[in-house]
Amino acid sequence: MNQLDRQRISVLIQNKINHVLPLEANNIEECINLSVQASQVKLEYPLAVNIRIVDHNEGLILNKQYRKKNQPTNVLTFEGNLNQERNLGIELPFLGDIVICMPVVIQESRDQNKNLSSHFTHMLIHGFLHLLGFDHKTKDDETIMQSVENKVIEQSDIPIWSK
């Protein structure tokens, strides 16, 4: 692993559905790493994140189990335990998991008249920012989080933002 790779987050993608993803793996990794830069959160590298793309049923099960809501949601995040993994000697500890329920994202993009790639990318960035500690429980927190999301979108070279 060279020095540049040590300053980037490794991304593992688990696609558990029969659907081609609206972004290539390298674009997903670019969004994650741009999010770190835009957030200005200081991280101890190396580390990794898992992106899991799920169907309606898995999204429903996870949302019901962890948020007590009887419907799937677009994105869920689950924090890893970096310190514990580093103490165990794991060379590439996980910051956490981002679970994207693709059927929900597809339906939302239709309902909101959005480009699927754009909406998927927004959910990816949004979920990752939650792993970095951002939230939207208050109006001020929401404004800060949206500002970082917009900065990532502006910095991205991914040609997805038009209809």
N, C-alpha and C. Protein backbone atom coordinates (compact mmCIF):
# COMPACT_ATOMS: atom_id res chain seq x y z
N MET A 1 0.86 -1.18 0.00
CA MET A 1 0.00 0.00 0.00
C MET A 1 0.90 1.23 0.00
N ASN A 2 0.76 2.11 -1.01
CA ASN A 2 1.60 3.30 -1.06
C ASN A 2 1.01 4.41 -0.17
N GLN A 3 1.77 5.52 -0.05
CA GLN A 3 1.36 6.60 0.85
C GLN A 3 0.02 7.20 0.47
N LEU A 4 -0.23 7.37 -0.84
CA LEU A 4 -1.50 7.94 -1.29
C LEU A 4 -2.67 7.03 -0.89
N ASP A 5 -2.49 5.71 -1.07
CA ASP A 5 -3.54 4.77 -0.69
C ASP A 5 -3.81 4.80 0.81
N ARG A 6 -2.78 5.09 1.59
CA ARG A 6 -2.94 5.14 3.05
C ARG A 6 -3.78 6.34 3.48
N GLN A 7 -3.95 7.33 2.60
CA GLN A 7 -4.75 8.51 2.92
C GLN A 7 -6.15 8.43 2.31
N ARG A 8 -6.53 7.26 1.85
CA ARG A 8 -7.85 7.05 1.27
C ARG A 8 -8.56 5.94 2.03
N ILE A 9 -9.86 5.97 1.95
CA ILE A 9 -10.66 4.92 2.57
C ILE A 9 -10.90 3.82 1.55
N SER A 10 -10.60 2.60 1.93
CA SER A 10 -10.91 1.46 1.07
C SER A 10 -12.40 1.18 1.17
N VAL A 11 -13.01 0.86 0.05
CA VAL A 11 -14.45 0.64 0.00
C VAL A 11 -14.74 -0.78 -0.47
N LEU A 12 -15.50 -1.49 0.34
CA LEU A 12 -15.97 -2.82 -0.02
C LEU A 12 -17.44 -2.69 -0.39
N ILE A 13 -17.82 -3.21 -1.54
CA ILE A 13 -19.22 -3.11 -1.99
C ILE A 13 -19.82 -4.51 -2.02
N GLN A 14 -20.93 -4.67 -1.32
CA GLN A 14 -21.69 -5.92 -1.33
C GLN A 14 -23.03 -5.64 -2.00
N ASN A 15 -23.18 -6.09 -3.22
CA ASN A 15 -24.43 -5.89 -3.95
C ASN A 15 -25.27 -7.16 -3.81
N LYS A 16 -26.29 -7.11 -2.96
CA LYS A 16 -27.10 -8.29 -2.65
C LYS A 16 -28.40 -8.34 -3.46
N ILE A 17 -28.47 -7.55 -4.53
CA ILE A 17 -29.68 -7.55 -5.36
C ILE A 17 -29.30 -7.78 -6.81
N ASN A 18 -30.29 -8.13 -7.61
CA ASN A 18 -30.08 -8.30 -9.04
C ASN A 18 -30.36 -7.00 -9.76
N HIS A 19 -29.53 -6.01 -9.49
CA HIS A 19 -29.71 -4.70 -10.11
C HIS A 19 -28.33 -4.11 -10.33
N VAL A 20 -28.10 -3.62 -11.53
CA VAL A 20 -26.83 -2.95 -11.80
C VAL A 20 -26.83 -1.64 -11.01
N LEU A 21 -25.74 -1.37 -10.33
CA LEU A 21 -25.65 -0.15 -9.54
C LEU A 21 -25.54 1.06 -10.45
N PRO A 22 -26.12 2.18 -10.03
CA PRO A 22 -26.09 3.38 -10.87
C PRO A 22 -24.74 4.08 -10.90
N LEU A 23 -23.79 3.62 -10.10
CA LEU A 23 -22.42 4.16 -10.12
C LEU A 23 -21.43 3.00 -10.20
N GLU A 24 -20.32 3.25 -10.86
CA GLU A 24 -19.23 2.29 -10.89
C GLU A 24 -18.51 2.30 -9.53
N ALA A 25 -17.82 1.22 -9.22
CA ALA A 25 -17.12 1.10 -7.94
C ALA A 25 -16.14 2.26 -7.71
N ASN A 26 -15.41 2.66 -8.75
CA ASN A 26 -14.44 3.75 -8.57
C ASN A 26 -15.14 5.07 -8.27
N ASN A 27 -16.35 5.28 -8.81
CA ASN A 27 -17.10 6.50 -8.50
C ASN A 27 -17.64 6.47 -7.08
N ILE A 28 -18.02 5.30 -6.60
CA ILE A 28 -18.48 5.16 -5.21
C ILE A 28 -17.32 5.50 -4.27
N GLU A 29 -16.15 4.96 -4.57
CA GLU A 29 -14.98 5.24 -3.73
C GLU A 29 -14.63 6.73 -3.78
N GLU A 30 -14.74 7.35 -4.96
CA GLU A 30 -14.47 8.78 -5.09
C GLU A 30 -15.41 9.59 -4.20
N CYS A 31 -16.70 9.24 -4.19
CA CYS A 31 -17.68 9.96 -3.35
C CYS A 31 -17.33 9.84 -1.88
N ILE A 32 -16.92 8.66 -1.46
CA ILE A 32 -16.56 8.45 -0.06
C ILE A 32 -15.36 9.32 0.32
N ASN A 33 -14.33 9.29 -0.51
CA ASN A 33 -13.12 10.04 -0.19
C ASN A 33 -13.32 11.54 -0.33
N LEU A 34 -14.14 12.00 -1.27
CA LEU A 34 -14.48 13.42 -1.35
C LEU A 34 -15.27 13.86 -0.11
N SER A 35 -16.08 12.97 0.41
CA SER A 35 -16.85 13.28 1.62
C SER A 35 -15.95 13.52 2.82
N VAL A 36 -14.88 12.73 2.91
CA VAL A 36 -13.92 12.94 4.00
C VAL A 36 -13.29 14.32 3.86
N GLN A 37 -12.85 14.64 2.66
CA GLN A 37 -12.21 15.94 2.43
C GLN A 37 -13.15 17.09 2.74
N ALA A 38 -14.37 17.01 2.23
CA ALA A 38 -15.34 18.09 2.42
C ALA A 38 -15.74 18.26 3.88
N SER A 39 -15.78 17.15 4.61
CA SER A 39 -16.22 17.20 6.01
C SER A 39 -15.16 17.79 6.93
N GLN A 40 -13.91 17.71 6.50
CA GLN A 40 -12.76 18.15 7.29
C GLN A 40 -12.61 17.38 8.60
N VAL A 41 -13.22 16.18 8.64
CA VAL A 41 -13.04 15.29 9.79
C VAL A 41 -11.68 14.63 9.67
N LYS A 42 -10.93 14.63 10.74
CA LYS A 42 -9.60 14.01 10.75
C LYS A 42 -9.74 12.54 11.10
N LEU A 43 -9.22 11.69 10.23
CA LEU A 43 -9.29 10.25 10.43
C LEU A 43 -7.89 9.67 10.53
N GLU A 44 -7.79 8.56 11.22
CA GLU A 44 -6.53 7.84 11.32
C GLU A 44 -6.57 6.71 10.30
N TYR A 45 -5.75 6.84 9.27
CA TYR A 45 -5.72 5.85 8.19
C TYR A 45 -4.73 4.75 8.52
N PRO A 46 -4.80 3.61 7.86
CA PRO A 46 -5.79 3.21 6.88
C PRO A 46 -7.07 2.74 7.56
N LEU A 47 -8.16 2.79 6.80
CA LEU A 47 -9.43 2.25 7.26
C LEU A 47 -10.32 1.95 6.06
N ALA A 48 -11.44 1.32 6.33
CA ALA A 48 -12.33 0.89 5.25
C ALA A 48 -13.78 1.15 5.65
N VAL A 49 -14.62 1.09 4.65
CA VAL A 49 -16.07 1.19 4.86
C VAL A 49 -16.73 0.14 3.97
N ASN A 50 -17.82 -0.41 4.45
CA ASN A 50 -18.58 -1.40 3.70
C ASN A 50 -19.86 -0.75 3.19
N ILE A 51 -20.12 -0.89 1.90
CA ILE A 51 -21.37 -0.42 1.30
C ILE A 51 -22.17 -1.67 0.94
N ARG A 52 -23.32 -1.83 1.55
CA ARG A 52 -24.16 -3.00 1.29
C ARG A 52 -25.44 -2.55 0.61
N ILE A 53 -25.69 -3.07 -0.57
CA ILE A 53 -26.89 -2.75 -1.33
C ILE A 53 -27.88 -3.89 -1.11
N VAL A 54 -29.06 -3.55 -0.59
CA VAL A 54 -30.01 -4.59 -0.19
C VAL A 54 -31.36 -4.44 -0.90
N ASP A 55 -32.13 -5.51 -0.80
CA ASP A 55 -33.49 -5.51 -1.37
C ASP A 55 -34.50 -5.02 -0.32
N HIS A 56 -35.75 -4.99 -0.71
CA HIS A 56 -36.82 -4.52 0.15
C HIS A 56 -36.87 -5.30 1.47
N ASN A 57 -36.80 -6.63 1.38
CA ASN A 57 -36.95 -7.46 2.59
C ASN A 57 -35.83 -7.22 3.60
N GLU A 58 -34.59 -7.18 3.13
CA GLU A 58 -33.49 -6.95 4.06
C GLU A 58 -33.56 -5.53 4.64
N GLY A 59 -33.93 -4.57 3.80
CA GLY A 59 -34.09 -3.20 4.28
C GLY A 59 -35.16 -3.11 5.35
N LEU A 60 -36.25 -3.83 5.16
CA LEU A 60 -37.34 -3.86 6.13
C LEU A 60 -36.89 -4.49 7.44
N ILE A 61 -36.22 -5.62 7.34
CA ILE A 61 -35.75 -6.32 8.54
C ILE A 61 -34.80 -5.44 9.35
N LEU A 62 -33.85 -4.83 8.68
CA LEU A 62 -32.86 -3.99 9.38
C LEU A 62 -33.51 -2.76 10.01
N ASN A 63 -34.40 -2.11 9.28
CA ASN A 63 -35.04 -0.91 9.81
C ASN A 63 -35.96 -1.25 10.98
N LYS A 64 -36.61 -2.39 10.90
CA LYS A 64 -37.48 -2.84 11.99
C LYS A 64 -36.67 -3.19 13.23
N GLN A 65 -35.55 -3.89 13.02
CA GLN A 65 -34.72 -4.33 14.14
C GLN A 65 -34.01 -3.16 14.82
N TYR A 66 -33.47 -2.23 14.04
CA TYR A 66 -32.61 -1.20 14.62
C TYR A 66 -33.29 0.15 14.83
N ARG A 67 -34.37 0.42 14.09
CA ARG A 67 -35.04 1.70 14.26
C ARG A 67 -36.50 1.53 14.67
N LYS A 68 -36.94 0.29 14.82
CA LYS A 68 -38.31 -0.03 15.25
C LYS A 68 -39.36 0.54 14.30
N LYS A 69 -39.02 0.59 13.00
CA LYS A 69 -39.96 1.08 11.98
C LYS A 69 -40.27 -0.06 11.03
N ASN A 70 -41.56 -0.27 10.79
CA ASN A 70 -42.02 -1.41 10.00
C ASN A 70 -42.09 -1.07 8.51
N GLN A 71 -41.01 -0.50 7.99
CA GLN A 71 -40.90 -0.22 6.56
C GLN A 71 -39.42 -0.04 6.25
N PRO A 72 -39.02 -0.34 5.03
CA PRO A 72 -37.61 -0.11 4.70
C PRO A 72 -37.35 1.39 4.58
N THR A 73 -36.10 1.77 4.69
CA THR A 73 -35.70 3.17 4.51
C THR A 73 -34.60 3.23 3.46
N ASN A 74 -34.29 4.40 2.99
CA ASN A 74 -33.33 4.51 1.89
C ASN A 74 -31.90 4.16 2.32
N VAL A 75 -31.47 4.65 3.48
CA VAL A 75 -30.10 4.39 3.91
C VAL A 75 -30.03 4.24 5.43
N LEU A 76 -29.25 3.28 5.86
CA LEU A 76 -28.96 3.05 7.27
C LEU A 76 -27.45 3.00 7.44
N THR A 77 -26.97 3.41 8.59
CA THR A 77 -25.54 3.31 8.87
C THR A 77 -25.31 2.59 10.19
N PHE A 78 -24.23 1.86 10.23
CA PHE A 78 -23.85 1.11 11.42
C PHE A 78 -22.37 1.37 11.67
N GLU A 79 -22.08 2.01 12.79
CA GLU A 79 -20.69 2.35 13.12
C GLU A 79 -19.90 1.11 13.48
N GLY A 80 -18.66 1.09 13.02
CA GLY A 80 -17.73 0.05 13.42
C GLY A 80 -17.04 0.47 14.71
N ASN A 81 -16.09 -0.33 15.15
CA ASN A 81 -15.33 0.00 16.34
C ASN A 81 -13.85 0.03 15.96
N LEU A 82 -13.41 1.19 15.43
CA LEU A 82 -12.05 1.32 14.93
C LEU A 82 -11.00 1.00 15.98
N ASN A 83 -11.17 1.54 17.18
CA ASN A 83 -10.17 1.31 18.22
C ASN A 83 -10.04 -0.16 18.58
N GLN A 84 -11.16 -0.84 18.72
CA GLN A 84 -11.13 -2.26 19.07
C GLN A 84 -10.47 -3.06 17.94
N GLU A 85 -10.82 -2.75 16.70
CA GLU A 85 -10.24 -3.49 15.58
C GLU A 85 -8.73 -3.22 15.47
N ARG A 86 -8.32 -1.97 15.70
CA ARG A 86 -6.88 -1.67 15.67
C ARG A 86 -6.16 -2.40 16.80
N ASN A 87 -6.78 -2.44 17.99
CA ASN A 87 -6.17 -3.16 19.12
C ASN A 87 -6.05 -4.65 18.85
N LEU A 88 -6.94 -5.18 18.03
CA LEU A 88 -6.88 -6.59 17.66
C LEU A 88 -5.86 -6.85 16.54
N GLY A 89 -5.29 -5.77 16.02
CA GLY A 89 -4.29 -5.92 14.96
C GLY A 89 -4.86 -5.99 13.57
N ILE A 90 -6.12 -5.65 13.42
CA ILE A 90 -6.74 -5.66 12.10
C ILE A 90 -6.14 -4.50 11.30
N GLU A 91 -5.51 -4.83 10.17
CA GLU A 91 -4.77 -3.83 9.41
C GLU A 91 -5.67 -2.81 8.72
N LEU A 92 -6.85 -3.20 8.36
CA LEU A 92 -7.77 -2.30 7.67
C LEU A 92 -9.10 -2.28 8.43
N PRO A 93 -9.13 -1.60 9.58
CA PRO A 93 -10.35 -1.59 10.40
C PRO A 93 -11.49 -0.85 9.68
N PHE A 94 -12.71 -1.25 10.01
CA PHE A 94 -13.89 -0.68 9.37
C PHE A 94 -14.45 0.48 10.16
N LEU A 95 -14.64 1.60 9.47
CA LEU A 95 -15.32 2.76 10.04
C LEU A 95 -16.78 2.38 10.28
N GLY A 96 -17.34 1.55 9.40
CA GLY A 96 -18.71 1.09 9.57
C GLY A 96 -19.32 0.62 8.26
N ASP A 97 -20.63 0.44 8.31
CA ASP A 97 -21.39 -0.05 7.16
C ASP A 97 -22.43 0.99 6.76
N ILE A 98 -22.59 1.14 5.45
CA ILE A 98 -23.68 1.93 4.88
C ILE A 98 -24.56 0.94 4.14
N VAL A 99 -25.82 0.86 4.54
CA VAL A 99 -26.77 -0.04 3.91
C VAL A 99 -27.75 0.80 3.09
N ILE A 100 -27.76 0.56 1.78
CA ILE A 100 -28.66 1.30 0.89
C ILE A 100 -29.71 0.32 0.37
N CYS A 101 -30.97 0.64 0.61
CA CYS A 101 -32.07 -0.19 0.13
C CYS A 101 -32.44 0.30 -1.27
N MET A 102 -31.97 -0.42 -2.27
CA MET A 102 -32.10 0.04 -3.65
C MET A 102 -33.55 0.23 -4.10
N PRO A 103 -34.48 -0.67 -3.76
CA PRO A 103 -35.87 -0.42 -4.19
C PRO A 103 -36.44 0.89 -3.64
N VAL A 104 -36.07 1.25 -2.43
CA VAL A 104 -36.55 2.51 -1.86
C VAL A 104 -35.93 3.69 -2.61
N VAL A 105 -34.64 3.62 -2.89
CA VAL A 105 -33.96 4.69 -3.61
C VAL A 105 -34.54 4.84 -5.02
N ILE A 106 -34.82 3.72 -5.67
CA ILE A 106 -35.42 3.77 -7.01
C ILE A 106 -36.79 4.43 -6.95
N GLN A 107 -37.62 4.02 -5.98
CA GLN A 107 -38.97 4.59 -5.86
C GLN A 107 -38.91 6.08 -5.52
N GLU A 108 -38.02 6.45 -4.61
CA GLU A 108 -37.88 7.87 -4.26
C GLU A 108 -37.45 8.70 -5.47
N SER A 109 -36.52 8.16 -6.26
CA SER A 109 -36.06 8.92 -7.42
C SER A 109 -37.21 9.13 -8.41
N ARG A 110 -38.06 8.13 -8.56
CA ARG A 110 -39.24 8.28 -9.43
C ARG A 110 -40.22 9.29 -8.84
N ASP A 111 -40.55 9.12 -7.55
CA ASP A 111 -41.53 10.00 -6.90
C ASP A 111 -41.07 11.46 -6.86
N GLN A 112 -39.77 11.66 -6.72
CA GLN A 112 -39.23 13.02 -6.61
C GLN A 112 -38.69 13.54 -7.94
N ASN A 113 -38.91 12.76 -9.01
CA ASN A 113 -38.47 13.14 -10.35
C ASN A 113 -36.97 13.46 -10.37
N LYS A 114 -36.18 12.56 -9.76
CA LYS A 114 -34.73 12.74 -9.70
C LYS A 114 -34.05 11.68 -10.55
N ASN A 115 -32.87 12.02 -11.01
CA ASN A 115 -32.00 11.08 -11.70
C ASN A 115 -31.58 10.01 -10.68
N LEU A 116 -31.69 8.73 -11.04
CA LEU A 116 -31.38 7.64 -10.10
C LEU A 116 -29.93 7.70 -9.64
N SER A 117 -29.01 7.94 -10.54
CA SER A 117 -27.59 8.01 -10.16
C SER A 117 -27.36 9.14 -9.16
N SER A 118 -28.00 10.27 -9.39
CA SER A 118 -27.85 11.41 -8.48
C SER A 118 -28.40 11.09 -7.10
N HIS A 119 -29.58 10.49 -7.06
CA HIS A 119 -30.20 10.18 -5.77
C HIS A 119 -29.40 9.11 -5.02
N PHE A 120 -28.95 8.09 -5.74
CA PHE A 120 -28.12 7.05 -5.14
C PHE A 120 -26.86 7.67 -4.54
N THR A 121 -26.22 8.55 -5.30
CA THR A 121 -25.00 9.21 -4.84
C THR A 121 -25.28 10.05 -3.60
N HIS A 122 -26.39 10.75 -3.60
CA HIS A 122 -26.75 11.56 -2.43
C HIS A 122 -26.94 10.67 -1.20
N MET A 123 -27.60 9.53 -1.36
CA MET A 123 -27.81 8.62 -0.24
C MET A 123 -26.47 8.04 0.25
N LEU A 124 -25.56 7.77 -0.67
CA LEU A 124 -24.23 7.27 -0.33
C LEU A 124 -23.48 8.31 0.51
N ILE A 125 -23.45 9.53 0.04
CA ILE A 125 -22.77 10.63 0.76
C ILE A 125 -23.44 10.85 2.11
N HIS A 126 -24.76 10.89 2.11
CA HIS A 126 -25.53 11.12 3.34
C HIS A 126 -25.21 10.04 4.39
N GLY A 127 -25.25 8.79 3.96
CA GLY A 127 -24.95 7.69 4.88
C GLY A 127 -23.53 7.76 5.41
N PHE A 128 -22.59 8.09 4.54
CA PHE A 128 -21.20 8.16 4.97
C PHE A 128 -20.99 9.30 5.97
N LEU A 129 -21.65 10.42 5.74
CA LEU A 129 -21.51 11.53 6.69
C LEU A 129 -22.04 11.15 8.08
N HIS A 130 -23.07 10.30 8.11
CA HIS A 130 -23.53 9.79 9.42
C HIS A 130 -22.40 9.01 10.10
N LEU A 131 -21.66 8.20 9.34
CA LEU A 131 -20.54 7.46 9.93
C LEU A 131 -19.46 8.39 10.47
N LEU A 132 -19.35 9.57 9.86
CA LEU A 132 -18.37 10.55 10.32
C LEU A 132 -18.87 11.37 11.51
N GLY A 133 -20.12 11.12 11.91
CA GLY A 133 -20.65 11.81 13.09
C GLY A 133 -21.63 12.93 12.79
N PHE A 134 -21.92 13.18 11.53
CA PHE A 134 -22.89 14.21 11.18
C PHE A 134 -24.30 13.68 11.41
N ASP A 135 -25.22 14.59 11.69
CA ASP A 135 -26.61 14.20 11.90
C ASP A 135 -27.52 15.34 11.49
N HIS A 136 -28.81 15.10 11.55
CA HIS A 136 -29.79 16.12 11.18
C HIS A 136 -30.95 16.14 12.17
N LYS A 137 -30.62 15.94 13.43
CA LYS A 137 -31.66 15.94 14.47
C LYS A 137 -32.14 17.34 14.79
N THR A 138 -31.27 18.33 14.60
CA THR A 138 -31.68 19.73 14.79
C THR A 138 -31.55 20.45 13.45
N LYS A 139 -32.18 21.60 13.33
CA LYS A 139 -32.11 22.38 12.10
C LYS A 139 -30.67 22.82 11.82
N ASP A 140 -29.95 23.21 12.86
CA ASP A 140 -28.55 23.62 12.68
C ASP A 140 -27.70 22.45 12.17
N ASP A 141 -27.88 21.27 12.78
CA ASP A 141 -27.14 20.08 12.35
C ASP A 141 -27.48 19.73 10.90
N GLU A 142 -28.76 19.84 10.56
CA GLU A 142 -29.20 19.54 9.20
C GLU A 142 -28.56 20.50 8.20
N THR A 143 -28.48 21.77 8.54
CA THR A 143 -27.88 22.77 7.67
C THR A 143 -26.40 22.47 7.44
N ILE A 144 -25.70 22.11 8.50
CA ILE A 144 -24.28 21.76 8.39
C ILE A 144 -24.10 20.53 7.51
N MET A 145 -24.91 19.51 7.75
CA MET A 145 -24.79 18.27 6.98
C MET A 145 -25.08 18.52 5.50
N GLN A 146 -26.12 19.28 5.22
CA GLN A 146 -26.46 19.58 3.82
C GLN A 146 -25.36 20.39 3.15
N SER A 147 -24.72 21.27 3.89
CA SER A 147 -23.63 22.06 3.34
C SER A 147 -22.47 21.16 2.90
N VAL A 148 -22.14 20.18 3.73
CA VAL A 148 -21.07 19.25 3.39
C VAL A 148 -21.49 18.40 2.19
N GLU A 149 -22.74 17.91 2.19
CA GLU A 149 -23.23 17.13 1.04
C GLU A 149 -23.10 17.94 -0.24
N ASN A 150 -23.50 19.19 -0.21
CA ASN A 150 -23.43 20.04 -1.40
C ASN A 150 -21.99 20.26 -1.85
N LYS A 151 -21.09 20.40 -0.89
CA LYS A 151 -19.67 20.58 -1.22
C LYS A 151 -19.14 19.35 -1.95
N VAL A 152 -19.52 18.17 -1.49
CA VAL A 152 -19.07 16.93 -2.14
C VAL A 152 -19.62 16.87 -3.56
N ILE A 153 -20.88 17.19 -3.71
CA ILE A 153 -21.51 17.16 -5.03
C ILE A 153 -20.80 18.13 -5.98
N GLU A 154 -20.48 19.32 -5.49
CA GLU A 154 -19.79 20.32 -6.31
C GLU A 154 -18.38 19.87 -6.70
N GLN A 155 -17.69 19.16 -5.82
CA GLN A 155 -16.32 18.73 -6.08
C GLN A 155 -16.25 17.49 -6.95
N SER A 156 -17.34 16.77 -7.05
CA SER A 156 -17.34 15.51 -7.78
C SER A 156 -17.24 15.73 -9.29
N ASP A 157 -16.44 14.89 -9.92
CA ASP A 157 -16.34 14.90 -11.38
C ASP A 157 -17.29 13.90 -12.01
N ILE A 158 -18.12 13.28 -11.21
CA ILE A 158 -19.03 12.25 -11.72
C ILE A 158 -20.17 12.94 -12.47
N PRO A 159 -20.33 12.63 -13.74
CA PRO A 159 -21.37 13.32 -14.53
C PRO A 159 -22.77 12.75 -14.31
N ILE A 160 -23.33 13.00 -13.16
CA ILE A 160 -24.62 12.38 -12.82
C ILE A 160 -25.69 13.39 -12.45
N TRP A 161 -25.33 14.67 -12.37
CA TRP A 161 -26.23 15.60 -11.73
C TRP A 161 -27.28 16.19 -12.65
N SER A 162 -27.30 15.80 -13.91
CA SER A 162 -28.37 16.28 -14.79
C SER A 162 -29.41 15.20 -14.94
N LYS A 163 -30.60 15.59 -15.30
CA LYS A 163 -31.73 14.67 -15.44
C LYS A 163 -31.53 13.76 -16.61
